[in-house]
Amino acid sequence: MICVPIKNKNINTIIKKLIISQKNADLTEIFFDEISNINVEKLKKIFNKKNKPIIYKSYGYLPYLEQVLAFAPEYIDLDINTSIKIINFVKKISPKTKIIISYHNFETTPPINVLEALIKKMKQKKADIFKIATYANEISDSIKILSFLSTKKQLDIICLAMGKYGKITRATGHLLGNYLMYAPLDEKDKTASGQIILKELKKCHLK
């Protein structure tokens, strides 16, 4: 699946991008916590336009959580260091929302034994989907991530590498079992280094 990330403070811009995303991708990730003066009316405007699954990229802020989860998004992405108290709160408020537990390393790609330990910790945090995003300082880091991904076919997992050397993981990860891949609508919408824009990623997936 291809997911379009949307990170913007303006509600009207988000809605415009959501409509485009839903016509061209499988699901949309929205950084709801970034919206200026978020409230129920603004959320209604977004969810009224929803016709495909949404990922709520969350920073774990309780006031925002309760407001957004009231609309039962299909997924929520929580950092690996999110407390179990917050995770239990999510499950209580919106039990059908699948929890993505994510780990981001913006400097390097850890060794395999560390990646394995991260998966174990994510299981303890009750993850439905496991996400590991590291930084590739060289092509061997991307090969490491792809190799690790290939051993986790029993899990719903997302493994990718950021940076210019990480692009190969974004272009080919779906072939090794990645649950989804992120692709912004255009260059200015990138939410992480090395992301491939939607029209280019779709070409990769057709090969």
C-alpha atoms as a PDB file:
ATOM      1  CA  MET A   1       0.000   0.000   0.000  1.00  0.00           C
ATOM      2  CA  ILE A   2       1.047   3.585  -0.597  1.00  0.00           C
ATOM      3  CA  CYS A   3       0.446   6.203   2.089  1.00  0.00           C
ATOM      4  CA  VAL A   4       0.528   9.953   1.502  1.00  0.00           C
ATOM      5  CA  PRO A   5       1.750  11.931   4.547  1.00  0.00           C
ATOM      6  CA  ILE A   6       0.185  15.347   5.162  1.00  0.00           C
ATOM      7  CA  LYS A   7       1.774  17.711   7.648  1.00  0.00           C
ATOM      8  CA  ASN A   8       0.273  21.188   7.593  1.00  0.00           C
ATOM      9  CA  LYS A   9      -1.199  23.698  10.033  1.00  0.00           C
ATOM     10  CA  ASN A  10      -3.965  24.947   7.758  1.00  0.00           C
ATOM     11  CA  ILE A  11      -7.220  22.973   7.729  1.00  0.00           C
ATOM     12  CA  ASN A  12      -8.204  23.958   4.174  1.00  0.00           C
ATOM     13  CA  THR A  13      -4.800  22.921   2.810  1.00  0.00           C
ATOM     14  CA  ILE A  14      -5.074  19.577   4.579  1.00  0.00           C
ATOM     15  CA  ILE A  15      -8.509  18.927   3.085  1.00  0.00           C
ATOM     16  CA  LYS A  16      -7.321  19.782  -0.430  1.00  0.00           C
ATOM     17  CA  LYS A  17      -4.365  17.426  -0.102  1.00  0.00           C
ATOM     18  CA  LEU A  18      -6.529  14.709   1.454  1.00  0.00           C
ATOM     19  CA  ILE A  19      -8.876  14.748  -1.536  1.00  0.00           C
ATOM     20  CA  ILE A  20      -5.940  14.396  -3.938  1.00  0.00           C
ATOM     21  CA  SER A  21      -4.360  11.691  -1.790  1.00  0.00           C
ATOM     22  CA  GLN A  22      -7.516   9.590  -1.725  1.00  0.00           C
ATOM     23  CA  LYS A  23      -7.733   9.654  -5.502  1.00  0.00           C
ATOM     24  CA  ASN A  24      -4.168   8.455  -5.954  1.00  0.00           C
ATOM     25  CA  ALA A  25      -3.070   6.435  -2.912  1.00  0.00           C
ATOM     26  CA  ASP A  26      -4.349   3.728  -0.572  1.00  0.00           C
ATOM     27  CA  LEU A  27      -4.339   5.701   2.671  1.00  0.00           C
ATOM     28  CA  THR A  28      -3.328   9.043   4.149  1.00  0.00           C
ATOM     29  CA  GLU A  29      -1.234   9.918   7.189  1.00  0.00           C
ATOM     30  CA  ILE A  30      -2.276  13.188   8.841  1.00  0.00           C
ATOM     31  CA  PHE A  31      -0.290  14.984  11.535  1.00  0.00           C
ATOM     32  CA  PHE A  32      -3.390  16.149  13.416  1.00  0.00           C
ATOM     33  CA  ASP A  33      -1.347  17.483  16.339  1.00  0.00           C
ATOM     34  CA  GLU A  34       0.184  20.047  13.955  1.00  0.00           C
ATOM     35  CA  ILE A  35      -3.138  21.707  13.098  1.00  0.00           C
ATOM     36  CA  SER A  36      -3.483  25.246  14.414  1.00  0.00           C
ATOM     37  CA  ASN A  37      -6.139  25.563  17.132  1.00  0.00           C
ATOM     38  CA  ILE A  38      -7.466  22.071  16.568  1.00  0.00           C
ATOM     39  CA  ASN A  39     -11.114  21.539  17.527  1.00  0.00           C
ATOM     40  CA  VAL A  40     -14.043  19.242  16.822  1.00  0.00           C
ATOM     41  CA  GLU A  41     -15.414  21.368  13.980  1.00  0.00           C
ATOM     42  CA  LYS A  42     -12.096  21.279  12.131  1.00  0.00           C
ATOM     43  CA  LEU A  43     -11.877  17.532  12.609  1.00  0.00           C
ATOM     44  CA  LYS A  44     -15.408  17.083  11.275  1.00  0.00           C
ATOM     45  CA  LYS A  45     -14.443  18.944   8.108  1.00  0.00           C
ATOM     46  CA  ILE A  46     -11.552  16.537   7.556  1.00  0.00           C
ATOM     47  CA  PHE A  47     -13.364  13.309   8.369  1.00  0.00           C
ATOM     48  CA  ASN A  48     -16.385  14.316   6.287  1.00  0.00           C
ATOM     49  CA  LYS A  49     -14.063  14.183   3.266  1.00  0.00           C
ATOM     50  CA  LYS A  50     -12.607  10.819   4.253  1.00  0.00           C
ATOM     51  CA  ASN A  51     -13.309   7.814   2.018  1.00  0.00           C
ATOM     52  CA  LYS A  52     -10.099   5.832   2.534  1.00  0.00           C
ATOM     53  CA  PRO A  53      -8.189   4.840   5.699  1.00  0.00           C
ATOM     54  CA  ILE A  54      -6.378   7.485   7.730  1.00  0.00           C
ATOM     55  CA  ILE A  55      -3.300   7.194   9.923  1.00  0.00           C
ATOM     56  CA  TYR A  56      -3.232   9.605  12.850  1.00  0.00           C
ATOM     57  CA  LYS A  57       0.439  10.495  13.325  1.00  0.00           C
ATOM     58  CA  SER A  58       0.375  11.383  17.016  1.00  0.00           C
ATOM     59  CA  TYR A  59       2.779  12.936  19.485  1.00  0.00           C
ATOM     60  CA  GLY A  60       0.812  11.350  22.320  1.00  0.00           C
ATOM     61  CA  TYR A  61      -0.803  14.562  23.585  1.00  0.00           C
ATOM     62  CA  LEU A  62      -3.858  13.507  25.564  1.00  0.00           C
ATOM     63  CA  PRO A  63      -6.185  16.435  24.655  1.00  0.00           C
ATOM     64  CA  TYR A  64      -5.548  15.836  20.950  1.00  0.00           C
ATOM     65  CA  LEU A  65      -5.809  12.077  21.278  1.00  0.00           C
ATOM     66  CA  GLU A  66      -9.292  12.150  22.688  1.00  0.00           C
ATOM     67  CA  GLN A  67     -10.573  14.596  20.077  1.00  0.00           C
ATOM     68  CA  VAL A  68      -9.140  12.739  17.075  1.00  0.00           C
ATOM     69  CA  LEU A  69      -9.877   9.223  18.323  1.00  0.00           C
ATOM     70  CA  ALA A  70     -13.548  10.156  18.693  1.00  0.00           C
ATOM     71  CA  PHE A  71     -13.619   9.876  14.878  1.00  0.00           C
ATOM     72  CA  ALA A  72     -12.110   6.356  15.006  1.00  0.00           C
ATOM     73  CA  PRO A  73      -9.243   6.656  12.501  1.00  0.00           C
ATOM     74  CA  GLU A  74      -8.157   3.277  11.155  1.00  0.00           C
ATOM     75  CA  TYR A  75      -4.582   3.695  12.430  1.00  0.00           C
ATOM     76  CA  ILE A  76      -2.578   5.674  14.956  1.00  0.00           C
ATOM     77  CA  ASP A  77       1.220   5.977  14.861  1.00  0.00           C
ATOM     78  CA  LEU A  78       2.818   6.281  18.308  1.00  0.00           C
ATOM     79  CA  ASP A  79       6.500   6.559  19.162  1.00  0.00           C
ATOM     80  CA  ILE A  80       8.144   3.534  20.759  1.00  0.00           C
ATOM     81  CA  ASN A  81       8.716   5.539  23.948  1.00  0.00           C
ATOM     82  CA  THR A  82       5.027   6.309  24.385  1.00  0.00           C
ATOM     83  CA  SER A  83       3.878   5.172  27.815  1.00  0.00           C
ATOM     84  CA  ILE A  84       1.724   2.070  28.138  1.00  0.00           C
ATOM     85  CA  LYS A  85      -0.789   4.337  29.908  1.00  0.00           C
ATOM     86  CA  ILE A  86      -1.278   6.327  26.695  1.00  0.00           C
ATOM     87  CA  ILE A  87      -1.481   3.161  24.606  1.00  0.00           C
ATOM     88  CA  ASN A  88      -4.146   1.710  26.895  1.00  0.00           C
ATOM     89  CA  PHE A  89      -6.019   5.021  26.662  1.00  0.00           C
ATOM     90  CA  VAL A  90      -6.006   4.727  22.857  1.00  0.00           C
ATOM     91  CA  LYS A  91      -7.341   1.174  23.015  1.00  0.00           C
ATOM     92  CA  LYS A  92     -10.085   2.236  25.405  1.00  0.00           C
ATOM     93  CA  ILE A  93     -11.242   5.266  23.402  1.00  0.00           C
ATOM     94  CA  SER A  94     -11.014   3.643  19.952  1.00  0.00           C
ATOM     95  CA  PRO A  95     -10.559  -0.142  20.206  1.00  0.00           C
ATOM     96  CA  LYS A  96     -10.786  -0.692  16.449  1.00  0.00           C
ATOM     97  CA  THR A  97      -7.926   1.703  15.688  1.00  0.00           C
ATOM     98  CA  LYS A  98      -4.779  -0.267  14.827  1.00  0.00           C
ATOM     99  CA  ILE A  99      -1.680   0.872  16.687  1.00  0.00           C
ATOM    100  CA  ILE A 100       1.559   1.456  14.796  1.00  0.00           C
ATOM    101  CA  ILE A 101       4.476   1.579  17.222  1.00  0.00           C
ATOM    102  CA  SER A 102       7.338   3.404  15.529  1.00  0.00           C
ATOM    103  CA  TYR A 103      11.056   3.876  16.083  1.00  0.00           C
ATOM    104  CA  HIS A 104      12.968   6.661  14.333  1.00  0.00           C
ATOM    105  CA  ASN A 105      16.738   7.077  14.323  1.00  0.00           C
ATOM    106  CA  PHE A 106      17.752  10.211  12.416  1.00  0.00           C
ATOM    107  CA  GLU A 107      21.508   9.605  12.679  1.00  0.00           C
ATOM    108  CA  THR A 108      22.356   5.988  11.962  1.00  0.00           C
ATOM    109  CA  THR A 109      21.172   2.404  11.370  1.00  0.00           C
ATOM    110  CA  PRO A 110      21.681   0.212  14.448  1.00  0.00           C
ATOM    111  CA  PRO A 111      23.000  -3.372  14.237  1.00  0.00           C
ATOM    112  CA  ILE A 112      20.581  -6.257  13.729  1.00  0.00           C
ATOM    113  CA  ASN A 113      20.542  -7.284  17.393  1.00  0.00           C
ATOM    114  CA  VAL A 114      19.334  -3.779  18.311  1.00  0.00           C
ATOM    115  CA  LEU A 115      16.621  -3.942  15.647  1.00  0.00           C
ATOM    116  CA  GLU A 116      15.495  -7.285  17.086  1.00  0.00           C
ATOM    117  CA  ALA A 117      15.337  -5.739  20.566  1.00  0.00           C
ATOM    118  CA  LEU A 118      13.191  -2.919  19.175  1.00  0.00           C
ATOM    119  CA  ILE A 119      10.688  -5.418  17.781  1.00  0.00           C
ATOM    120  CA  LYS A 120      10.523  -7.121  21.174  1.00  0.00           C
ATOM    121  CA  LYS A 121       9.839  -3.775  22.871  1.00  0.00           C
ATOM    122  CA  MET A 122       7.131  -2.964  20.314  1.00  0.00           C
ATOM    123  CA  LYS A 123       5.430  -6.267  21.071  1.00  0.00           C
ATOM    124  CA  GLN A 124       5.443  -5.346  24.756  1.00  0.00           C
ATOM    125  CA  LYS A 125       3.812  -2.046  23.795  1.00  0.00           C
ATOM    126  CA  LYS A 126       0.975  -3.995  22.110  1.00  0.00           C
ATOM    127  CA  ALA A 127       1.814  -2.987  18.551  1.00  0.00           C
ATOM    128  CA  ASP A 128      -0.466  -4.120  15.753  1.00  0.00           C
ATOM    129  CA  ILE A 129       2.013  -2.810  13.186  1.00  0.00           C
ATOM    130  CA  PHE A 130       5.759  -2.388  13.678  1.00  0.00           C
ATOM    131  CA  LYS A 131       7.643   0.534  12.138  1.00  0.00           C
ATOM    132  CA  ILE A 132      11.414   1.018  12.059  1.00  0.00           C
ATOM    133  CA  ALA A 133      12.887   4.048  10.284  1.00  0.00           C
ATOM    134  CA  THR A 134      16.642   4.565  10.475  1.00  0.00           C
ATOM    135  CA  TYR A 135      19.160   6.802   8.726  1.00  0.00           C
ATOM    136  CA  ALA A 136      21.326   5.303   5.998  1.00  0.00           C
ATOM    137  CA  ASN A 137      24.833   6.788   5.984  1.00  0.00           C
ATOM    138  CA  GLU A 138      25.852   4.350   3.247  1.00  0.00           C
ATOM    139  CA  ILE A 139      24.170   1.859   0.958  1.00  0.00           C
ATOM    140  CA  SER A 140      25.077  -1.033   3.290  1.00  0.00           C
ATOM    141  CA  ASP A 141      22.690   0.446   5.867  1.00  0.00           C
ATOM    142  CA  SER A 142      19.836   0.133   3.407  1.00  0.00           C
ATOM    143  CA  ILE A 143      20.834  -3.424   2.588  1.00  0.00           C
ATOM    144  CA  LYS A 144      20.784  -4.173   6.327  1.00  0.00           C
ATOM    145  CA  ILE A 145      17.262  -2.765   6.661  1.00  0.00           C
ATOM    146  CA  LEU A 146      15.978  -4.684   3.644  1.00  0.00           C
ATOM    147  CA  SER A 147      17.601  -7.879   4.886  1.00  0.00           C
ATOM    148  CA  PHE A 148      15.994  -7.410   8.301  1.00  0.00           C
ATOM    149  CA  LEU A 149      12.628  -6.752   6.669  1.00  0.00           C
ATOM    150  CA  SER A 150      12.883  -9.986   4.705  1.00  0.00           C
ATOM    151  CA  THR A 151      13.048 -11.989   7.966  1.00  0.00           C
ATOM    152  CA  LYS A 152       9.853 -10.486   9.388  1.00  0.00           C
ATOM    153  CA  LYS A 153       7.231 -11.708   6.954  1.00  0.00           C
ATOM    154  CA  GLN A 154       5.128 -13.005   9.868  1.00  0.00           C
ATOM    155  CA  LEU A 155       4.620  -9.430  11.096  1.00  0.00           C
ATOM    156  CA  ASP A 156       2.768  -6.420   9.747  1.00  0.00           C
ATOM    157  CA  ILE A 157       5.875  -4.288   9.509  1.00  0.00           C
ATOM    158  CA  ILE A 158       7.280  -1.145   7.920  1.00  0.00           C
ATOM    159  CA  CYS A 159      11.070  -0.952   7.555  1.00  0.00           C
ATOM    160  CA  LEU A 160      12.775   1.894   5.746  1.00  0.00           C
ATOM    161  CA  ALA A 161      15.886   4.027   5.755  1.00  0.00           C
ATOM    162  CA  MET A 162      16.041   7.801   5.507  1.00  0.00           C
ATOM    163  CA  GLY A 163      18.550   9.878   3.574  1.00  0.00           C
ATOM    164  CA  LYS A 164      19.739   9.641  -0.030  1.00  0.00           C
ATOM    165  CA  TYR A 165      21.173   6.155   0.521  1.00  0.00           C
ATOM    166  CA  GLY A 166      17.848   5.052   1.962  1.00  0.00           C
ATOM    167  CA  LYS A 167      15.801   5.633  -1.182  1.00  0.00           C
ATOM    168  CA  ILE A 168      16.310   2.054  -2.301  1.00  0.00           C
ATOM    169  CA  THR A 169      14.367   0.854   0.754  1.00  0.00           C
ATOM    170  CA  ARG A 170      11.462   3.078  -0.231  1.00  0.00           C
ATOM    171  CA  ALA A 171      11.495   1.954  -3.857  1.00  0.00           C
ATOM    172  CA  THR A 172      11.805  -1.796  -3.202  1.00  0.00           C
ATOM    173  CA  GLY A 173      10.547  -2.416   0.341  1.00  0.00           C
ATOM    174  CA  HIS A 174       7.124  -3.497  -0.911  1.00  0.00           C
ATOM    175  CA  LEU A 175       8.765  -6.447  -2.670  1.00  0.00           C
ATOM    176  CA  LEU A 176      10.031  -7.750   0.678  1.00  0.00           C
ATOM    177  CA  GLY A 177       6.798  -7.367   2.601  1.00  0.00           C
ATOM    178  CA  ASN A 178       6.550  -3.766   3.771  1.00  0.00           C
ATOM    179  CA  TYR A 179       3.043  -3.126   5.059  1.00  0.00           C
ATOM    180  CA  LEU A 180       3.031   0.287   3.402  1.00  0.00           C
ATOM    181  CA  MET A 181       5.305   2.907   1.891  1.00  0.00           C
ATOM    182  CA  TYR A 182       5.187   6.684   2.361  1.00  0.00           C
ATOM    183  CA  ALA A 183       5.026   9.026  -0.619  1.00  0.00           C
ATOM    184  CA  PRO A 184       4.293  12.772  -0.373  1.00  0.00           C
ATOM    185  CA  LEU A 185       2.305  14.500  -3.093  1.00  0.00           C
ATOM    186  CA  ASP A 186       5.270  16.681  -4.063  1.00  0.00           C
ATOM    187  CA  GLU A 187       8.725  17.792  -2.935  1.00  0.00           C
ATOM    188  CA  LYS A 188       7.545  20.455  -0.484  1.00  0.00           C
ATOM    189  CA  ASP A 189       5.312  17.925   1.286  1.00  0.00           C
ATOM    190  CA  LYS A 190       8.133  15.593   2.320  1.00  0.00           C
ATOM    191  CA  THR A 191       8.026  14.708   6.008  1.00  0.00           C
ATOM    192  CA  ALA A 192      11.292  12.753   6.080  1.00  0.00           C
ATOM    193  CA  SER A 193      14.616  12.775   4.264  1.00  0.00           C
ATOM    194  CA  GLY A 194      14.757  10.499   1.238  1.00  0.00           C
ATOM    195  CA  GLN A 195      11.042  10.168   0.630  1.00  0.00           C
ATOM    196  CA  ILE A 196      10.071   9.557  -2.990  1.00  0.00           C
ATOM    197  CA  ILE A 197       7.146  11.628  -4.247  1.00  0.00           C
ATOM    198  CA  LEU A 198       3.930   9.808  -5.109  1.00  0.00           C
ATOM    199  CA  LYS A 199       4.077   9.827  -8.907  1.00  0.00           C
ATOM    200  CA  GLU A 200       7.661   8.510  -8.839  1.00  0.00           C
ATOM    201  CA  LEU A 201       6.978   5.810  -6.232  1.00  0.00           C
ATOM    202  CA  LYS A 202       3.986   4.552  -8.214  1.00  0.00           C
ATOM    203  CA  LYS A 203       6.321   4.081 -11.195  1.00  0.00           C
ATOM    204  CA  CYS A 204       8.625   1.985  -8.997  1.00  0.00           C
ATOM    205  CA  HIS A 205       5.716  -0.160  -7.861  1.00  0.00           C
ATOM    206  CA  LEU A 206       4.691  -0.834 -11.453  1.00  0.00           C
ATOM    207  CA  LYS A 207       8.082  -2.280 -12.363  1.00  0.00           C
END
